[in-house]
Each structure stands twice: as C-alpha cells, then as structure tokens.
mmCIF file of all heavy atoms, coordinates in Angstrom:
data_MODEL
# 
_entry.id   MODEL 
# 
loop_
_atom_site.group_PDB 
_atom_site.id 
_atom_site.type_symbol 
_atom_site.label_atom_id 
_atom_site.label_alt_id 
_atom_site.label_comp_id 
_atom_site.label_asym_id 
_atom_site.label_entity_id 
_atom_site.label_seq_id 
_atom_site.pdbx_PDB_ins_code 
_atom_site.Cartn_x 
_atom_site.Cartn_y 
_atom_site.Cartn_z 
_atom_site.occupancy 
_atom_site.B_iso_or_equiv 
_atom_site.pdbx_formal_charge 
_atom_site.auth_seq_id 
_atom_site.auth_comp_id 
_atom_site.auth_asym_id 
_atom_site.auth_atom_id 
_atom_site.pdbx_PDB_model_num 
ATOM 1   N N   . TYR A 1 1  ? -47.138 -53.244 -55.720 1.00 0.00 ? 1  TYR A N   1 
ATOM 2   C CA  . TYR A 1 1  ? -46.301 -52.152 -55.221 1.00 0.00 ? 1  TYR A CA  1 
ATOM 3   C C   . TYR A 1 1  ? -47.213 -51.032 -54.639 1.00 0.00 ? 1  TYR A C   1 
ATOM 4   O O   . TYR A 1 1  ? -46.969 -50.569 -53.555 1.00 0.00 ? 1  TYR A O   1 
ATOM 5   C CB  . TYR A 1 1  ? -45.420 -51.596 -56.336 1.00 0.00 ? 1  TYR A CB  1 
ATOM 6   C CG  . TYR A 1 1  ? -44.702 -50.324 -55.924 1.00 0.00 ? 1  TYR A CG  1 
ATOM 7   C CD1 . TYR A 1 1  ? -43.569 -50.359 -55.097 1.00 0.00 ? 1  TYR A CD1 1 
ATOM 8   C CD2 . TYR A 1 1  ? -45.144 -49.081 -56.378 1.00 0.00 ? 1  TYR A CD2 1 
ATOM 9   C CE1 . TYR A 1 1  ? -42.962 -49.192 -54.717 1.00 0.00 ? 1  TYR A CE1 1 
ATOM 10  C CE2 . TYR A 1 1  ? -44.527 -47.899 -55.996 1.00 0.00 ? 1  TYR A CE2 1 
ATOM 11  C CZ  . TYR A 1 1  ? -43.457 -47.970 -55.141 1.00 0.00 ? 1  TYR A CZ  1 
ATOM 12  O OH  . TYR A 1 1  ? -42.765 -46.815 -54.776 1.00 0.00 ? 1  TYR A OH  1 
ATOM 13  N N   . ARG A 1 2  ? -48.192 -50.635 -55.380 1.00 0.00 ? 2  ARG A N   1 
ATOM 14  C CA  . ARG A 1 2  ? -49.110 -49.609 -54.866 1.00 0.00 ? 2  ARG A CA  1 
ATOM 15  C C   . ARG A 1 2  ? -49.795 -50.007 -53.582 1.00 0.00 ? 2  ARG A C   1 
ATOM 16  O O   . ARG A 1 2  ? -50.026 -49.175 -52.694 1.00 0.00 ? 2  ARG A O   1 
ATOM 17  C CB  . ARG A 1 2  ? -50.169 -49.239 -55.913 1.00 0.00 ? 2  ARG A CB  1 
ATOM 18  C CG  . ARG A 1 2  ? -49.595 -48.539 -57.163 1.00 0.00 ? 2  ARG A CG  1 
ATOM 19  C CD  . ARG A 1 2  ? -50.733 -47.964 -57.994 1.00 0.00 ? 2  ARG A CD  1 
ATOM 20  N NE  . ARG A 1 2  ? -50.257 -47.389 -59.266 1.00 0.00 ? 2  ARG A NE  1 
ATOM 21  C CZ  . ARG A 1 2  ? -51.044 -46.698 -60.073 1.00 0.00 ? 2  ARG A CZ  1 
ATOM 22  N NH1 . ARG A 1 2  ? -52.341 -46.551 -59.818 1.00 0.00 ? 2  ARG A NH1 1 
ATOM 23  N NH2 . ARG A 1 2  ? -50.512 -46.221 -61.208 1.00 0.00 ? 2  ARG A NH2 1 
ATOM 24  N N   . ALA A 1 3  ? -50.112 -51.306 -53.478 1.00 0.00 ? 3  ALA A N   1 
ATOM 25  C CA  . ALA A 1 3  ? -50.813 -51.786 -52.267 1.00 0.00 ? 3  ALA A CA  1 
ATOM 26  C C   . ALA A 1 3  ? -49.880 -52.070 -51.127 1.00 0.00 ? 3  ALA A C   1 
ATOM 27  O O   . ALA A 1 3  ? -50.338 -52.336 -50.018 1.00 0.00 ? 3  ALA A O   1 
ATOM 28  C CB  . ALA A 1 3  ? -51.596 -53.046 -52.617 1.00 0.00 ? 3  ALA A CB  1 
ATOM 29  N N   . GLY A 1 4  ? -48.568 -52.063 -51.391 1.00 0.00 ? 4  GLY A N   1 
ATOM 30  C CA  . GLY A 1 4  ? -47.590 -52.309 -50.338 1.00 0.00 ? 4  GLY A CA  1 
ATOM 31  C C   . GLY A 1 4  ? -47.548 -53.793 -49.898 1.00 0.00 ? 4  GLY A C   1 
ATOM 32  O O   . GLY A 1 4  ? -47.271 -54.108 -48.732 1.00 0.00 ? 4  GLY A O   1 
ATOM 33  N N   . VAL A 1 5  ? -47.756 -54.704 -50.856 1.00 0.00 ? 5  VAL A N   1 
ATOM 34  C CA  . VAL A 1 5  ? -47.780 -56.125 -50.529 1.00 0.00 ? 5  VAL A CA  1 
ATOM 35  C C   . VAL A 1 5  ? -46.661 -56.821 -51.285 1.00 0.00 ? 5  VAL A C   1 
ATOM 36  O O   . VAL A 1 5  ? -46.505 -56.678 -52.495 1.00 0.00 ? 5  VAL A O   1 
ATOM 37  C CB  . VAL A 1 5  ? -49.163 -56.750 -50.939 1.00 0.00 ? 5  VAL A CB  1 
ATOM 38  C CG1 . VAL A 1 5  ? -49.139 -58.254 -50.676 1.00 0.00 ? 5  VAL A CG1 1 
ATOM 39  C CG2 . VAL A 1 5  ? -50.292 -56.066 -50.221 1.00 0.00 ? 5  VAL A CG2 1 
ATOM 40  N N   . HIS A 1 6  ? -45.914 -57.671 -50.557 1.00 0.00 ? 6  HIS A N   1 
ATOM 41  C CA  . HIS A 1 6  ? -44.799 -58.427 -51.151 1.00 0.00 ? 6  HIS A CA  1 
ATOM 42  C C   . HIS A 1 6  ? -45.365 -59.447 -52.131 1.00 0.00 ? 6  HIS A C   1 
ATOM 43  O O   . HIS A 1 6  ? -46.318 -60.165 -51.798 1.00 0.00 ? 6  HIS A O   1 
ATOM 44  C CB  . HIS A 1 6  ? -43.996 -59.096 -50.060 1.00 0.00 ? 6  HIS A CB  1 
ATOM 45  C CG  . HIS A 1 6  ? -42.647 -59.578 -50.533 1.00 0.00 ? 6  HIS A CG  1 
ATOM 46  N ND1 . HIS A 1 6  ? -42.521 -60.689 -51.377 1.00 0.00 ? 6  HIS A ND1 1 
ATOM 47  C CD2 . HIS A 1 6  ? -41.369 -59.131 -50.255 1.00 0.00 ? 6  HIS A CD2 1 
ATOM 48  C CE1 . HIS A 1 6  ? -41.241 -60.860 -51.619 1.00 0.00 ? 6  HIS A CE1 1 
ATOM 49  N NE2 . HIS A 1 6  ? -40.549 -59.961 -50.940 1.00 0.00 ? 6  HIS A NE2 1 
ATOM 50  N N   . PRO A 1 7  ? -44.814 -59.603 -53.314 1.00 0.00 ? 7  PRO A N   1 
ATOM 51  C CA  . PRO A 1 7  ? -45.363 -60.536 -54.297 1.00 0.00 ? 7  PRO A CA  1 
ATOM 52  C C   . PRO A 1 7  ? -45.317 -61.992 -53.902 1.00 0.00 ? 7  PRO A C   1 
ATOM 53  O O   . PRO A 1 7  ? -46.056 -62.802 -54.441 1.00 0.00 ? 7  PRO A O   1 
ATOM 54  C CB  . PRO A 1 7  ? -44.485 -60.247 -55.556 1.00 0.00 ? 7  PRO A CB  1 
ATOM 55  C CG  . PRO A 1 7  ? -43.242 -59.616 -55.015 1.00 0.00 ? 7  PRO A CG  1 
ATOM 56  C CD  . PRO A 1 7  ? -43.651 -58.823 -53.835 1.00 0.00 ? 7  PRO A CD  1 
ATOM 57  N N   . LEU A 1 8  ? -44.425 -62.362 -52.954 1.00 0.00 ? 8  LEU A N   1 
ATOM 58  C CA  . LEU A 1 8  ? -44.318 -63.747 -52.542 1.00 0.00 ? 8  LEU A CA  1 
ATOM 59  C C   . LEU A 1 8  ? -45.245 -64.045 -51.355 1.00 0.00 ? 8  LEU A C   1 
ATOM 60  O O   . LEU A 1 8  ? -45.346 -65.212 -50.948 1.00 0.00 ? 8  LEU A O   1 
ATOM 61  C CB  . LEU A 1 8  ? -42.898 -64.081 -52.151 1.00 0.00 ? 8  LEU A CB  1 
ATOM 62  C CG  . LEU A 1 8  ? -41.858 -64.157 -53.296 1.00 0.00 ? 8  LEU A CG  1 
ATOM 63  C CD1 . LEU A 1 8  ? -40.481 -64.434 -52.776 1.00 0.00 ? 8  LEU A CD1 1 
ATOM 64  C CD2 . LEU A 1 8  ? -42.273 -65.203 -54.344 1.00 0.00 ? 8  LEU A CD2 1 
ATOM 65  N N   . ARG A 1 9  ? -45.920 -63.067 -50.833 1.00 0.00 ? 9  ARG A N   1 
ATOM 66  C CA  . ARG A 1 9  ? -46.759 -63.291 -49.645 1.00 0.00 ? 9  ARG A CA  1 
ATOM 67  C C   . ARG A 1 9  ? -47.885 -64.265 -50.028 1.00 0.00 ? 9  ARG A C   1 
ATOM 68  O O   . ARG A 1 9  ? -48.578 -64.095 -51.048 1.00 0.00 ? 9  ARG A O   1 
ATOM 69  C CB  . ARG A 1 9  ? -47.358 -61.978 -49.117 1.00 0.00 ? 9  ARG A CB  1 
ATOM 70  C CG  . ARG A 1 9  ? -48.284 -62.213 -47.890 1.00 0.00 ? 9  ARG A CG  1 
ATOM 71  C CD  . ARG A 1 9  ? -48.717 -60.861 -47.358 1.00 0.00 ? 9  ARG A CD  1 
ATOM 72  N NE  . ARG A 1 9  ? -47.628 -60.200 -46.657 1.00 0.00 ? 9  ARG A NE  1 
ATOM 73  C CZ  . ARG A 1 9  ? -47.315 -60.391 -45.388 1.00 0.00 ? 9  ARG A CZ  1 
ATOM 74  N NH1 . ARG A 1 9  ? -47.998 -61.212 -44.648 1.00 0.00 ? 9  ARG A NH1 1 
ATOM 75  N NH2 . ARG A 1 9  ? -46.317 -59.720 -44.834 1.00 0.00 ? 9  ARG A NH2 1 
ATOM 76  N N   . SER A 1 10 ? -48.099 -65.275 -49.191 1.00 0.00 ? 10 SER A N   1 
ATOM 77  C CA  . SER A 1 10 ? -49.179 -66.211 -49.426 1.00 0.00 ? 10 SER A CA  1 
ATOM 78  C C   . SER A 1 10 ? -50.535 -65.529 -49.280 1.00 0.00 ? 10 SER A C   1 
ATOM 79  O O   . SER A 1 10 ? -50.696 -64.653 -48.380 1.00 0.00 ? 10 SER A O   1 
ATOM 80  C CB  . SER A 1 10 ? -49.092 -67.374 -48.447 1.00 0.00 ? 10 SER A CB  1 
ATOM 81  O OG  . SER A 1 10 ? -50.247 -68.186 -48.506 1.00 0.00 ? 10 SER A OG  1 
ATOM 82  N N   . VAL A 1 11 ? -51.506 -65.917 -50.080 1.00 0.00 ? 11 VAL A N   1 
ATOM 83  C CA  . VAL A 1 11 ? -52.818 -65.334 -49.966 1.00 0.00 ? 11 VAL A CA  1 
ATOM 84  C C   . VAL A 1 11 ? -53.494 -65.637 -48.622 1.00 0.00 ? 11 VAL A C   1 
ATOM 85  O O   . VAL A 1 11 ? -54.435 -64.993 -48.204 1.00 0.00 ? 11 VAL A O   1 
ATOM 86  C CB  . VAL A 1 11 ? -53.745 -65.755 -51.109 1.00 0.00 ? 11 VAL A CB  1 
ATOM 87  C CG1 . VAL A 1 11 ? -53.234 -65.220 -52.455 1.00 0.00 ? 11 VAL A CG1 1 
ATOM 88  C CG2 . VAL A 1 11 ? -53.896 -67.288 -51.150 1.00 0.00 ? 11 VAL A CG2 1 
ATOM 89  N N   . THR A 1 12 ? -52.981 -66.647 -47.930 1.00 0.00 ? 12 THR A N   1 
ATOM 90  C CA  . THR A 1 12 ? -53.501 -67.032 -46.612 1.00 0.00 ? 12 THR A CA  1 
ATOM 91  C C   . THR A 1 12 ? -53.067 -66.024 -45.520 1.00 0.00 ? 12 THR A C   1 
ATOM 92  O O   . THR A 1 12 ? -53.652 -66.028 -44.412 1.00 0.00 ? 12 THR A O   1 
ATOM 93  C CB  . THR A 1 12 ? -53.109 -68.446 -46.193 1.00 0.00 ? 12 THR A CB  1 
ATOM 94  O OG1 . THR A 1 12 ? -51.654 -68.475 -46.055 1.00 0.00 ? 12 THR A OG1 1 
ATOM 95  C CG2 . THR A 1 12 ? -53.525 -69.446 -47.218 1.00 0.00 ? 12 THR A CG2 1 
ATOM 96  N N   . ARG A 1 13 ? -52.107 -65.181 -45.834 1.00 0.00 ? 13 ARG A N   1 
ATOM 97  C CA  . ARG A 1 13 ? -51.534 -64.250 -44.848 1.00 0.00 ? 13 ARG A CA  1 
ATOM 98  C C   . ARG A 1 13 ? -51.823 -62.816 -45.147 1.00 0.00 ? 13 ARG A C   1 
ATOM 99  O O   . ARG A 1 13 ? -51.032 -61.929 -44.799 1.00 0.00 ? 13 ARG A O   1 
ATOM 100 C CB  . ARG A 1 13 ? -50.016 -64.511 -44.715 1.00 0.00 ? 13 ARG A CB  1 
ATOM 101 C CG  . ARG A 1 13 ? -49.653 -65.896 -44.243 1.00 0.00 ? 13 ARG A CG  1 
ATOM 102 C CD  . ARG A 1 13 ? -48.136 -66.098 -44.141 1.00 0.00 ? 13 ARG A CD  1 
ATOM 103 N NE  . ARG A 1 13 ? -47.547 -65.096 -43.284 1.00 0.00 ? 13 ARG A NE  1 
ATOM 104 C CZ  . ARG A 1 13 ? -46.615 -64.207 -43.678 1.00 0.00 ? 13 ARG A CZ  1 
ATOM 105 N NH1 . ARG A 1 13 ? -46.192 -64.248 -44.971 1.00 0.00 ? 13 ARG A NH1 1 
ATOM 106 N NH2 . ARG A 1 13 ? -46.074 -63.370 -42.863 1.00 0.00 ? 13 ARG A NH2 1 
ATOM 107 N N   . ILE A 1 14 ? -52.915 -62.589 -45.866 1.00 0.00 ? 14 ILE A N   1 
ATOM 108 C CA  . ILE A 1 14 ? -53.287 -61.217 -46.215 1.00 0.00 ? 14 ILE A CA  1 
ATOM 109 C C   . ILE A 1 14 ? -54.617 -60.893 -45.527 1.00 0.00 ? 14 ILE A C   1 
ATOM 110 O O   . ILE A 1 14 ? -55.594 -61.591 -45.701 1.00 0.00 ? 14 ILE A O   1 
ATOM 111 C CB  . ILE A 1 14 ? -53.438 -61.056 -47.750 1.00 0.00 ? 14 ILE A CB  1 
ATOM 112 C CG1 . ILE A 1 14 ? -52.059 -61.345 -48.432 1.00 0.00 ? 14 ILE A CG1 1 
ATOM 113 C CG2 . ILE A 1 14 ? -53.932 -59.657 -48.078 1.00 0.00 ? 14 ILE A CG2 1 
ATOM 114 C CD1 . ILE A 1 14 ? -52.132 -61.279 -49.912 1.00 0.00 ? 14 ILE A CD1 1 
ATOM 115 N N   . ALA A 1 15 ? -54.598 -59.812 -44.741 1.00 0.00 ? 15 ALA A N   1 
ATOM 116 C CA  . ALA A 1 15 ? -55.785 -59.441 -43.995 1.00 0.00 ? 15 ALA A CA  1 
ATOM 117 C C   . ALA A 1 15 ? -56.766 -58.683 -44.888 1.00 0.00 ? 15 ALA A C   1 
ATOM 118 O O   . ALA A 1 15 ? -56.424 -58.182 -45.935 1.00 0.00 ? 15 ALA A O   1 
ATOM 119 C CB  . ALA A 1 15 ? -55.394 -58.509 -42.811 1.00 0.00 ? 15 ALA A CB  1 
ATOM 120 N N   . ALA A 1 16 ? -58.026 -58.589 -44.393 1.00 0.00 ? 16 ALA A N   1 
ATOM 121 C CA  . ALA A 1 16 ? -59.072 -57.957 -45.175 1.00 0.00 ? 16 ALA A CA  1 
ATOM 122 C C   . ALA A 1 16 ? -58.767 -56.524 -45.641 1.00 0.00 ? 16 ALA A C   1 
ATOM 123 O O   . ALA A 1 16 ? -58.994 -56.193 -46.805 1.00 0.00 ? 16 ALA A O   1 
ATOM 124 C CB  . ALA A 1 16 ? -60.389 -57.996 -44.381 1.00 0.00 ? 16 ALA A CB  1 
ATOM 125 N N   . PRO A 1 17 ? -58.228 -55.648 -44.768 1.00 0.00 ? 17 PRO A N   1 
ATOM 126 C CA  . PRO A 1 17 ? -57.942 -54.307 -45.256 1.00 0.00 ? 17 PRO A CA  1 
ATOM 127 C C   . PRO A 1 17 ? -56.884 -54.279 -46.380 1.00 0.00 ? 17 PRO A C   1 
ATOM 128 O O   . PRO A 1 17 ? -56.978 -53.462 -47.267 1.00 0.00 ? 17 PRO A O   1 
ATOM 129 C CB  . PRO A 1 17 ? -57.371 -53.587 -43.999 1.00 0.00 ? 17 PRO A CB  1 
ATOM 130 C CG  . PRO A 1 17 ? -57.948 -54.389 -42.870 1.00 0.00 ? 17 PRO A CG  1 
ATOM 131 C CD  . PRO A 1 17 ? -57.989 -55.780 -43.338 1.00 0.00 ? 17 PRO A CD  1 
ATOM 132 N N   . ARG A 1 18 ? -55.958 -55.205 -46.341 1.00 0.00 ? 18 ARG A N   1 
ATOM 133 C CA  . ARG A 1 18 ? -54.932 -55.256 -47.358 1.00 0.00 ? 18 ARG A CA  1 
ATOM 134 C C   . ARG A 1 18 ? -55.522 -55.785 -48.711 1.00 0.00 ? 18 ARG A C   1 
ATOM 135 O O   . ARG A 1 18 ? -55.150 -55.319 -49.740 1.00 0.00 ? 18 ARG A O   1 
ATOM 136 C CB  . ARG A 1 18 ? -53.776 -56.131 -46.929 1.00 0.00 ? 18 ARG A CB  1 
ATOM 137 C CG  . ARG A 1 18 ? -52.561 -56.026 -47.812 1.00 0.00 ? 18 ARG A CG  1 
ATOM 138 C CD  . ARG A 1 18 ? -51.936 -54.635 -47.784 1.00 0.00 ? 18 ARG A CD  1 
ATOM 139 N NE  . ARG A 1 18 ? -51.280 -54.356 -46.544 1.00 0.00 ? 18 ARG A NE  1 
ATOM 140 C CZ  . ARG A 1 18 ? -50.614 -53.241 -46.249 1.00 0.00 ? 18 ARG A CZ  1 
ATOM 141 N NH1 . ARG A 1 18 ? -50.612 -52.240 -47.160 1.00 0.00 ? 18 ARG A NH1 1 
ATOM 142 N NH2 . ARG A 1 18 ? -50.041 -53.035 -45.085 1.00 0.00 ? 18 ARG A NH2 1 
ATOM 143 N N   . TRP A 1 19 ? -56.486 -56.674 -48.603 1.00 0.00 ? 19 TRP A N   1 
ATOM 144 C CA  . TRP A 1 19 ? -57.206 -57.089 -49.810 1.00 0.00 ? 19 TRP A CA  1 
ATOM 145 C C   . TRP A 1 19 ? -57.930 -55.926 -50.472 1.00 0.00 ? 19 TRP A C   1 
ATOM 146 O O   . TRP A 1 19 ? -57.958 -55.765 -51.680 1.00 0.00 ? 19 TRP A O   1 
ATOM 147 C CB  . TRP A 1 19 ? -58.164 -58.214 -49.523 1.00 0.00 ? 19 TRP A CB  1 
ATOM 148 C CG  . TRP A 1 19 ? -57.569 -59.614 -49.453 1.00 0.00 ? 19 TRP A CG  1 
ATOM 149 C CD1 . TRP A 1 19 ? -57.553 -60.451 -48.408 1.00 0.00 ? 19 TRP A CD1 1 
ATOM 150 C CD2 . TRP A 1 19 ? -56.949 -60.315 -50.559 1.00 0.00 ? 19 TRP A CD2 1 
ATOM 151 N NE1 . TRP A 1 19 ? -56.906 -61.603 -48.727 1.00 0.00 ? 19 TRP A NE1 1 
ATOM 152 C CE2 . TRP A 1 19 ? -56.530 -61.544 -50.064 1.00 0.00 ? 19 TRP A CE2 1 
ATOM 153 C CE3 . TRP A 1 19 ? -56.630 -59.967 -51.864 1.00 0.00 ? 19 TRP A CE3 1 
ATOM 154 C CZ2 . TRP A 1 19 ? -55.867 -62.484 -50.819 1.00 0.00 ? 19 TRP A CZ2 1 
ATOM 155 C CZ3 . TRP A 1 19 ? -55.998 -60.906 -52.683 1.00 0.00 ? 19 TRP A CZ3 1 
ATOM 156 C CH2 . TRP A 1 19 ? -55.598 -62.153 -52.150 1.00 0.00 ? 19 TRP A CH2 1 
ATOM 157 N N   . THR A 1 20 ? -58.498 -55.070 -49.627 1.00 0.00 ? 20 THR A N   1 
ATOM 158 C CA  . THR A 1 20 ? -59.176 -53.901 -50.147 1.00 0.00 ? 20 THR A CA  1 
ATOM 159 C C   . THR A 1 20 ? -58.185 -53.019 -50.906 1.00 0.00 ? 20 THR A C   1 
ATOM 160 O O   . THR A 1 20 ? -58.494 -52.479 -52.005 1.00 0.00 ? 20 THR A O   1 
ATOM 161 C CB  . THR A 1 20 ? -59.828 -53.104 -49.011 1.00 0.00 ? 20 THR A CB  1 
ATOM 162 O OG1 . THR A 1 20 ? -60.837 -53.903 -48.411 1.00 0.00 ? 20 THR A OG1 1 
ATOM 163 C CG2 . THR A 1 20 ? -60.451 -51.810 -49.517 1.00 0.00 ? 20 THR A CG2 1 
ATOM 164 N N   . ALA A 1 21 ? -56.995 -52.878 -50.343 1.00 0.00 ? 21 ALA A N   1 
ATOM 165 C CA  . ALA A 1 21 ? -55.947 -52.080 -50.993 1.00 0.00 ? 21 ALA A CA  1 
ATOM 166 C C   . ALA A 1 21 ? -55.519 -52.682 -52.313 1.00 0.00 ? 21 ALA A C   1 
ATOM 167 O O   . ALA A 1 21 ? -55.257 -51.999 -53.325 1.00 0.00 ? 21 ALA A O   1 
ATOM 168 C CB  . ALA A 1 21 ? -54.750 -51.935 -50.060 1.00 0.00 ? 21 ALA A CB  1 
ATOM 169 N N   . ILE A 1 22 ? -55.382 -54.038 -52.349 1.00 0.00 ? 22 ILE A N   1 
ATOM 170 C CA  . ILE A 1 22 ? -54.998 -54.707 -53.575 1.00 0.00 ? 22 ILE A CA  1 
ATOM 171 C C   . ILE A 1 22 ? -56.031 -54.492 -54.648 1.00 0.00 ? 22 ILE A C   1 
ATOM 172 O O   . ILE A 1 22 ? -55.708 -54.186 -55.821 1.00 0.00 ? 22 ILE A O   1 
ATOM 173 C CB  . ILE A 1 22 ? -54.795 -56.200 -53.315 1.00 0.00 ? 22 ILE A CB  1 
ATOM 174 C CG1 . ILE A 1 22 ? -53.551 -56.411 -52.413 1.00 0.00 ? 22 ILE A CG1 1 
ATOM 175 C CG2 . ILE A 1 22 ? -54.607 -56.976 -54.615 1.00 0.00 ? 22 ILE A CG2 1 
ATOM 176 C CD1 . ILE A 1 22 ? -53.378 -57.860 -51.920 1.00 0.00 ? 22 ILE A CD1 1 
ATOM 177 N N   . GLY A 1 23 ? -57.309 -54.675 -54.329 1.00 0.00 ? 23 GLY A N   1 
ATOM 178 C CA  . GLY A 1 23 ? -58.362 -54.483 -55.309 1.00 0.00 ? 23 GLY A CA  1 
ATOM 179 C C   . GLY A 1 23 ? -58.357 -53.091 -55.881 1.00 0.00 ? 23 GLY A C   1 
ATOM 180 O O   . GLY A 1 23 ? -58.478 -52.885 -57.091 1.00 0.00 ? 23 GLY A O   1 
ATOM 181 N N   . ALA A 1 24 ? -58.252 -52.086 -54.991 1.00 0.00 ? 24 ALA A N   1 
ATOM 182 C CA  . ALA A 1 24 ? -58.206 -50.726 -55.462 1.00 0.00 ? 24 ALA A CA  1 
ATOM 183 C C   . ALA A 1 24 ? -56.992 -50.432 -56.341 1.00 0.00 ? 24 ALA A C   1 
ATOM 184 O O   . ALA A 1 24 ? -57.047 -49.665 -57.330 1.00 0.00 ? 24 ALA A O   1 
ATOM 185 C CB  . ALA A 1 24 ? -58.204 -49.752 -54.286 1.00 0.00 ? 24 ALA A CB  1 
ATOM 186 N N   . SER A 1 25 ? -55.843 -51.047 -56.008 1.00 0.00 ? 25 SER A N   1 
ATOM 187 C CA  . SER A 1 25 ? -54.637 -50.818 -56.748 1.00 0.00 ? 25 SER A CA  1 
ATOM 188 C C   . SER A 1 25 ? -54.735 -51.452 -58.138 1.00 0.00 ? 25 SER A C   1 
ATOM 189 O O   . SER A 1 25 ? -54.246 -50.860 -59.103 1.00 0.00 ? 25 SER A O   1 
ATOM 190 C CB  . SER A 1 25 ? -53.431 -51.365 -55.990 1.00 0.00 ? 25 SER A CB  1 
ATOM 191 O OG  . SER A 1 25 ? -53.211 -50.682 -54.803 1.00 0.00 ? 25 SER A OG  1 
ATOM 192 N N   . VAL A 1 26 ? -55.334 -52.619 -58.231 1.00 0.00 ? 26 VAL A N   1 
ATOM 193 C CA  . VAL A 1 26 ? -55.537 -53.264 -59.516 1.00 0.00 ? 26 VAL A CA  1 
ATOM 194 C C   . VAL A 1 26 ? -56.346 -52.337 -60.419 1.00 0.00 ? 26 VAL A C   1 
ATOM 195 O O   . VAL A 1 26 ? -55.949 -52.080 -61.568 1.00 0.00 ? 26 VAL A O   1 
ATOM 196 C CB  . VAL A 1 26 ? -56.250 -54.626 -59.365 1.00 0.00 ? 26 VAL A CB  1 
ATOM 197 C CG1 . VAL A 1 26 ? -56.764 -55.120 -60.701 1.00 0.00 ? 26 VAL A CG1 1 
ATOM 198 C CG2 . VAL A 1 26 ? -55.265 -55.659 -58.737 1.00 0.00 ? 26 VAL A CG2 1 
ATOM 199 N N   . VAL A 1 27 ? -57.445 -51.879 -59.924 1.00 0.00 ? 27 VAL A N   1 
ATOM 200 C CA  . VAL A 1 27 ? -58.302 -50.987 -60.735 1.00 0.00 ? 27 VAL A CA  1 
ATOM 201 C C   . VAL A 1 27 ? -57.573 -49.691 -61.079 1.00 0.00 ? 27 VAL A C   1 
ATOM 202 O O   . VAL A 1 27 ? -57.616 -49.259 -62.261 1.00 0.00 ? 27 VAL A O   1 
ATOM 203 C CB  . VAL A 1 27 ? -59.613 -50.645 -59.938 1.00 0.00 ? 27 VAL A CB  1 
ATOM 204 C CG1 . VAL A 1 27 ? -60.443 -49.601 -60.719 1.00 0.00 ? 27 VAL A CG1 1 
ATOM 205 C CG2 . VAL A 1 27 ? -60.438 -51.909 -59.782 1.00 0.00 ? 27 VAL A CG2 1 
ATOM 206 N N   . GLY A 1 28 ? -56.814 -49.143 -60.165 1.00 0.00 ? 28 GLY A N   1 
ATOM 207 C CA  . GLY A 1 28 ? -56.122 -47.915 -60.409 1.00 0.00 ? 28 GLY A CA  1 
ATOM 208 C C   . GLY A 1 28 ? -55.028 -48.065 -61.450 1.00 0.00 ? 28 GLY A C   1 
ATOM 209 O O   . GLY A 1 28 ? -54.881 -47.237 -62.379 1.00 0.00 ? 28 GLY A O   1 
# 
C-alpha cells in the first residue's frame, strides 16, 4: 500500500523505481 503497488501484480511487470519504493516501504 505504501509503495502504491497492487498485490496481484506479477513481479515481471514491476519497474526498477517501483522496486526501490517497495524495498523502502518494507523497511519503513
């Protein structure tokens, strides 16, 4: 939710900047 990524989105369809947001959101 914090990263703005749908939970059903395939990992093959996530761009590098969004992965950065996911990593930061996990830590946060």
